[in-house]
Amino acid sequence: EIDTSIILDEGTLGIAGSAFQNNGHLMAITIPGTVECIGRAAFFRCNSLILVTSAIVNPFPIDDNVFSGCDHAHLRVPVGTADIYRVTDGWRNFAWIDEWDPSSVLSVDGKQNGVKAIFSMKGEKLAQPSKGINIIKMEDGKGKKVMIK
């Protein structure tokens, strides 16, 4: 089985240059707030990458080619930091940047939390959340993306 989503461990300090280059299976990556550097071409031509979640509160400049070729990727950043990401070298290249609250983890343990349906990133309906990113449809009609470790 191929991992299509990767959650880097809290405490990770850096991502080496070309670490995931040309990975055609990677769909989602979560970068912890402890990361202090990302090397050149780390995610270069990861054509399947659709979601980059960064918990970095003070984004640092990265080379423009770090995410080059990831044209459909969406960048999620901590609440209150989107404007900083939008002007920071490398990060500002994302067409879609929005904010999320890393402290508001959704508990997904059945219908009791207003959960109507659970889907994989591929759109497959699931009976329960699976490891990685899940799309949760709430009874109020709203959708949420939830990361399960």
C-alpha atoms as a PDB file:
ATOM      1  CA  GLU A   1       0.000   0.000   0.000  1.00  0.00           C
ATOM      2  CA  ILE A   2       1.289   3.429  -0.950  1.00  0.00           C
ATOM      3  CA  ASP A   3       1.002   6.300   1.531  1.00  0.00           C
ATOM      4  CA  THR A   4      -0.780   9.171  -0.163  1.00  0.00           C
ATOM      5  CA  SER A   5      -0.662  11.427   2.888  1.00  0.00           C
ATOM      6  CA  ILE A   6       2.213  12.065   5.246  1.00  0.00           C
ATOM      7  CA  ILE A   7       2.158  13.709   8.643  1.00  0.00           C
ATOM      8  CA  LEU A   8       5.642  14.717   9.694  1.00  0.00           C
ATOM      9  CA  ASP A   9       6.293  14.196  13.393  1.00  0.00           C
ATOM     10  CA  GLU A  10       6.176  17.139  15.773  1.00  0.00           C
ATOM     11  CA  GLY A  11       9.800  17.894  16.537  1.00  0.00           C
ATOM     12  CA  THR A  12      10.909  17.572  12.903  1.00  0.00           C
ATOM     13  CA  LEU A  13      13.288  20.488  12.316  1.00  0.00           C
ATOM     14  CA  GLY A  14      13.732  20.401   8.561  1.00  0.00           C
ATOM     15  CA  ILE A  15      12.855  18.812   5.247  1.00  0.00           C
ATOM     16  CA  ALA A  16      15.794  17.953   3.033  1.00  0.00           C
ATOM     17  CA  GLY A  17      16.097  19.265  -0.493  1.00  0.00           C
ATOM     18  CA  SER A  18      14.446  16.937  -3.048  1.00  0.00           C
ATOM     19  CA  ALA A  19      13.041  14.822  -0.172  1.00  0.00           C
ATOM     20  CA  PHE A  20       9.728  14.145  -1.943  1.00  0.00           C
ATOM     21  CA  GLN A  21      10.662  15.320  -5.445  1.00  0.00           C
ATOM     22  CA  ASN A  22       8.662  13.714  -8.281  1.00  0.00           C
ATOM     23  CA  ASN A  23       6.458  11.743  -5.851  1.00  0.00           C
ATOM     24  CA  GLY A  24       3.394  11.164  -8.000  1.00  0.00           C
ATOM     25  CA  HIS A  25       1.406   9.514  -5.183  1.00  0.00           C
ATOM     26  CA  LEU A  26       1.665  12.154  -2.449  1.00  0.00           C
ATOM     27  CA  MET A  27      -1.697  13.910  -2.076  1.00  0.00           C
ATOM     28  CA  ALA A  28      -1.329  15.585   1.332  1.00  0.00           C
ATOM     29  CA  ILE A  29       1.501  16.629   3.622  1.00  0.00           C
ATOM     30  CA  THR A  30       1.311  18.046   7.133  1.00  0.00           C
ATOM     31  CA  ILE A  31       4.293  20.111   8.213  1.00  0.00           C
ATOM     32  CA  PRO A  32       4.632  20.615  11.987  1.00  0.00           C
ATOM     33  CA  GLY A  33       5.316  23.987  13.546  1.00  0.00           C
ATOM     34  CA  THR A  34       8.774  22.846  14.613  1.00  0.00           C
ATOM     35  CA  VAL A  35      10.130  22.871  11.030  1.00  0.00           C
ATOM     36  CA  GLU A  36      12.730  25.615  10.580  1.00  0.00           C
ATOM     37  CA  CYS A  37      13.908  24.965   7.020  1.00  0.00           C
ATOM     38  CA  ILE A  38      12.761  23.294   3.813  1.00  0.00           C
ATOM     39  CA  GLY A  39      15.393  22.494   1.199  1.00  0.00           C
ATOM     40  CA  ARG A  40      15.292  23.271  -2.508  1.00  0.00           C
ATOM     41  CA  ALA A  41      12.895  21.185  -4.585  1.00  0.00           C
ATOM     42  CA  ALA A  42      11.622  19.298  -1.512  1.00  0.00           C
ATOM     43  CA  PHE A  43       8.190  18.812  -3.158  1.00  0.00           C
ATOM     44  CA  PHE A  44       9.181  19.655  -6.740  1.00  0.00           C
ATOM     45  CA  ARG A  45       6.798  18.107  -9.291  1.00  0.00           C
ATOM     46  CA  CYS A  46       4.604  16.335  -6.738  1.00  0.00           C
ATOM     47  CA  ASN A  47       1.794  16.536  -9.294  1.00  0.00           C
ATOM     48  CA  SER A  48      -0.785  14.751  -7.095  1.00  0.00           C
ATOM     49  CA  LEU A  49      -0.270  17.051  -4.107  1.00  0.00           C
ATOM     50  CA  ILE A  50      -3.573  18.774  -3.309  1.00  0.00           C
ATOM     51  CA  LEU A  51      -3.229  19.763   0.350  1.00  0.00           C
ATOM     52  CA  VAL A  52      -0.280  21.213   2.246  1.00  0.00           C
ATOM     53  CA  THR A  53      -1.047  21.853   5.914  1.00  0.00           C
ATOM     54  CA  SER A  54       1.562  23.949   7.661  1.00  0.00           C
ATOM     55  CA  ALA A  55       1.529  24.499  11.426  1.00  0.00           C
ATOM     56  CA  ILE A  56       4.427  26.965  11.117  1.00  0.00           C
ATOM     57  CA  VAL A  57       3.326  30.171  12.867  1.00  0.00           C
ATOM     58  CA  ASN A  58       6.207  32.326  11.613  1.00  0.00           C
ATOM     59  CA  PRO A  59       6.759  31.277   7.996  1.00  0.00           C
ATOM     60  CA  PHE A  60      10.315  31.623   6.759  1.00  0.00           C
ATOM     61  CA  PRO A  61      11.284  32.199   3.125  1.00  0.00           C
ATOM     62  CA  ILE A  62      11.647  29.068   1.006  1.00  0.00           C
ATOM     63  CA  ASP A  63      12.987  28.670  -2.510  1.00  0.00           C
ATOM     64  CA  ASP A  64      10.387  29.224  -5.241  1.00  0.00           C
ATOM     65  CA  ASN A  65      10.963  25.677  -6.526  1.00  0.00           C
ATOM     66  CA  VAL A  66      10.098  23.903  -3.238  1.00  0.00           C
ATOM     67  CA  PHE A  67       6.475  23.390  -4.371  1.00  0.00           C
ATOM     68  CA  SER A  68       6.991  24.042  -8.096  1.00  0.00           C
ATOM     69  CA  GLY A  69       4.818  21.776 -10.231  1.00  0.00           C
ATOM     70  CA  CYS A  70       2.231  21.383  -7.441  1.00  0.00           C
ATOM     71  CA  ASP A  71      -0.184  23.663  -9.239  1.00  0.00           C
ATOM     72  CA  HIS A  72      -3.381  22.300  -7.683  1.00  0.00           C
ATOM     73  CA  ALA A  73      -2.161  22.312  -4.098  1.00  0.00           C
ATOM     74  CA  HIS A  74      -4.051  24.218  -1.440  1.00  0.00           C
ATOM     75  CA  LEU A  75      -2.121  25.630   1.544  1.00  0.00           C
ATOM     76  CA  ARG A  76      -3.659  25.548   5.028  1.00  0.00           C
ATOM     77  CA  VAL A  77      -1.982  27.690   7.683  1.00  0.00           C
ATOM     78  CA  PRO A  78      -2.664  28.553  11.336  1.00  0.00           C
ATOM     79  CA  VAL A  79      -5.328  31.171  12.108  1.00  0.00           C
ATOM     80  CA  GLY A  80      -3.947  34.684  11.821  1.00  0.00           C
ATOM     81  CA  THR A  81      -0.994  33.800   9.567  1.00  0.00           C
ATOM     82  CA  ALA A  82      -2.431  33.720   6.024  1.00  0.00           C
ATOM     83  CA  ASP A  83      -1.437  37.306   5.278  1.00  0.00           C
ATOM     84  CA  ILE A  84       2.158  36.577   6.335  1.00  0.00           C
ATOM     85  CA  TYR A  85       2.295  33.445   4.133  1.00  0.00           C
ATOM     86  CA  ARG A  86       0.905  35.464   1.190  1.00  0.00           C
ATOM     87  CA  VAL A  87       3.956  37.771   1.233  1.00  0.00           C
ATOM     88  CA  THR A  88       6.665  35.265   2.186  1.00  0.00           C
ATOM     89  CA  ASP A  89       8.959  33.966  -0.579  1.00  0.00           C
ATOM     90  CA  GLY A  90       8.001  30.503  -1.806  1.00  0.00           C
ATOM     91  CA  TRP A  91       4.796  30.275   0.220  1.00  0.00           C
ATOM     92  CA  ARG A  92       3.162  33.143  -1.655  1.00  0.00           C
ATOM     93  CA  ASN A  93       3.154  31.026  -4.833  1.00  0.00           C
ATOM     94  CA  PHE A  94       0.131  29.039  -3.640  1.00  0.00           C
ATOM     95  CA  ALA A  95      -3.026  30.196  -5.408  1.00  0.00           C
ATOM     96  CA  TRP A  96      -5.213  29.107  -2.490  1.00  0.00           C
ATOM     97  CA  ILE A  97      -4.205  29.830   1.107  1.00  0.00           C
ATOM     98  CA  ASP A  98      -6.662  29.559   3.968  1.00  0.00           C
ATOM     99  CA  GLU A  99      -6.503  29.355   7.735  1.00  0.00           C
ATOM    100  CA  TRP A 100      -7.315  26.571  10.189  1.00  0.00           C
ATOM    101  CA  ASP A 101      -7.173  26.297  13.944  1.00  0.00           C
ATOM    102  CA  PRO A 102      -4.842  23.431  14.892  1.00  0.00           C
ATOM    103  CA  SER A 103      -6.273  23.440  18.429  1.00  0.00           C
ATOM    104  CA  SER A 104      -9.804  22.744  17.197  1.00  0.00           C
ATOM    105  CA  VAL A 105      -9.399  19.070  16.424  1.00  0.00           C
ATOM    106  CA  LEU A 106     -12.727  17.538  15.525  1.00  0.00           C
ATOM    107  CA  SER A 107     -13.594  14.422  17.471  1.00  0.00           C
ATOM    108  CA  VAL A 108     -15.072  11.962  15.025  1.00  0.00           C
ATOM    109  CA  ASP A 109     -16.572   9.077  16.903  1.00  0.00           C
ATOM    110  CA  GLY A 110     -19.932   8.595  15.269  1.00  0.00           C
ATOM    111  CA  LYS A 111     -23.112  10.609  14.854  1.00  0.00           C
ATOM    112  CA  GLN A 112     -22.939  12.130  18.345  1.00  0.00           C
ATOM    113  CA  ASN A 113     -20.818  15.063  17.151  1.00  0.00           C
ATOM    114  CA  GLY A 114     -23.139  16.058  14.320  1.00  0.00           C
ATOM    115  CA  VAL A 115     -21.271  13.927  11.775  1.00  0.00           C
ATOM    116  CA  LYS A 116     -23.459  12.953   8.835  1.00  0.00           C
ATOM    117  CA  ALA A 117     -20.902  11.179   6.635  1.00  0.00           C
ATOM    118  CA  ILE A 118     -17.164  10.486   6.397  1.00  0.00           C
ATOM    119  CA  PHE A 119     -15.250  10.343   3.110  1.00  0.00           C
ATOM    120  CA  SER A 120     -11.686   9.580   2.046  1.00  0.00           C
ATOM    121  CA  MET A 121      -9.708  12.109   0.004  1.00  0.00           C
ATOM    122  CA  LYS A 122     -10.699  10.037  -3.039  1.00  0.00           C
ATOM    123  CA  GLY A 123     -14.392  10.599  -2.253  1.00  0.00           C
ATOM    124  CA  GLU A 124     -15.070   7.058  -1.009  1.00  0.00           C
ATOM    125  CA  LYS A 125     -17.666   6.907   1.779  1.00  0.00           C
ATOM    126  CA  LEU A 126     -16.196   5.424   4.975  1.00  0.00           C
ATOM    127  CA  ALA A 127     -17.874   3.789   7.980  1.00  0.00           C
ATOM    128  CA  GLN A 128     -15.313   5.397  10.290  1.00  0.00           C
ATOM    129  CA  PRO A 129     -12.355   7.745   9.906  1.00  0.00           C
ATOM    130  CA  SER A 130      -9.188   6.214   8.502  1.00  0.00           C
ATOM    131  CA  LYS A 131      -5.534   7.167   8.929  1.00  0.00           C
ATOM    132  CA  GLY A 132      -4.696  10.325   7.012  1.00  0.00           C
ATOM    133  CA  ILE A 133      -7.031  13.069   5.810  1.00  0.00           C
ATOM    134  CA  ASN A 134     -10.765  12.502   6.004  1.00  0.00           C
ATOM    135  CA  ILE A 135     -13.519  14.758   4.720  1.00  0.00           C
ATOM    136  CA  ILE A 136     -16.325  15.018   7.238  1.00  0.00           C
ATOM    137  CA  LYS A 137     -19.801  16.142   6.196  1.00  0.00           C
ATOM    138  CA  MET A 138     -21.633  17.615   9.158  1.00  0.00           C
ATOM    139  CA  GLU A 139     -25.397  17.487   9.735  1.00  0.00           C
ATOM    140  CA  ASP A 140     -25.551  21.281   9.303  1.00  0.00           C
ATOM    141  CA  GLY A 141     -24.269  20.821   5.728  1.00  0.00           C
ATOM    142  CA  LYS A 142     -20.748  22.093   6.404  1.00  0.00           C
ATOM    143  CA  GLY A 143     -17.662  20.081   5.515  1.00  0.00           C
ATOM    144  CA  LYS A 144     -14.420  19.684   7.462  1.00  0.00           C
ATOM    145  CA  LYS A 145     -11.103  18.085   6.736  1.00  0.00           C
ATOM    146  CA  VAL A 146      -9.785  16.024   9.626  1.00  0.00           C
ATOM    147  CA  MET A 147      -6.347  14.497  10.035  1.00  0.00           C
ATOM    148  CA  ILE A 148      -6.204  11.119  11.748  1.00  0.00           C
ATOM    149  CA  LYS A 149      -2.791   9.888  12.918  1.00  0.00           C
END
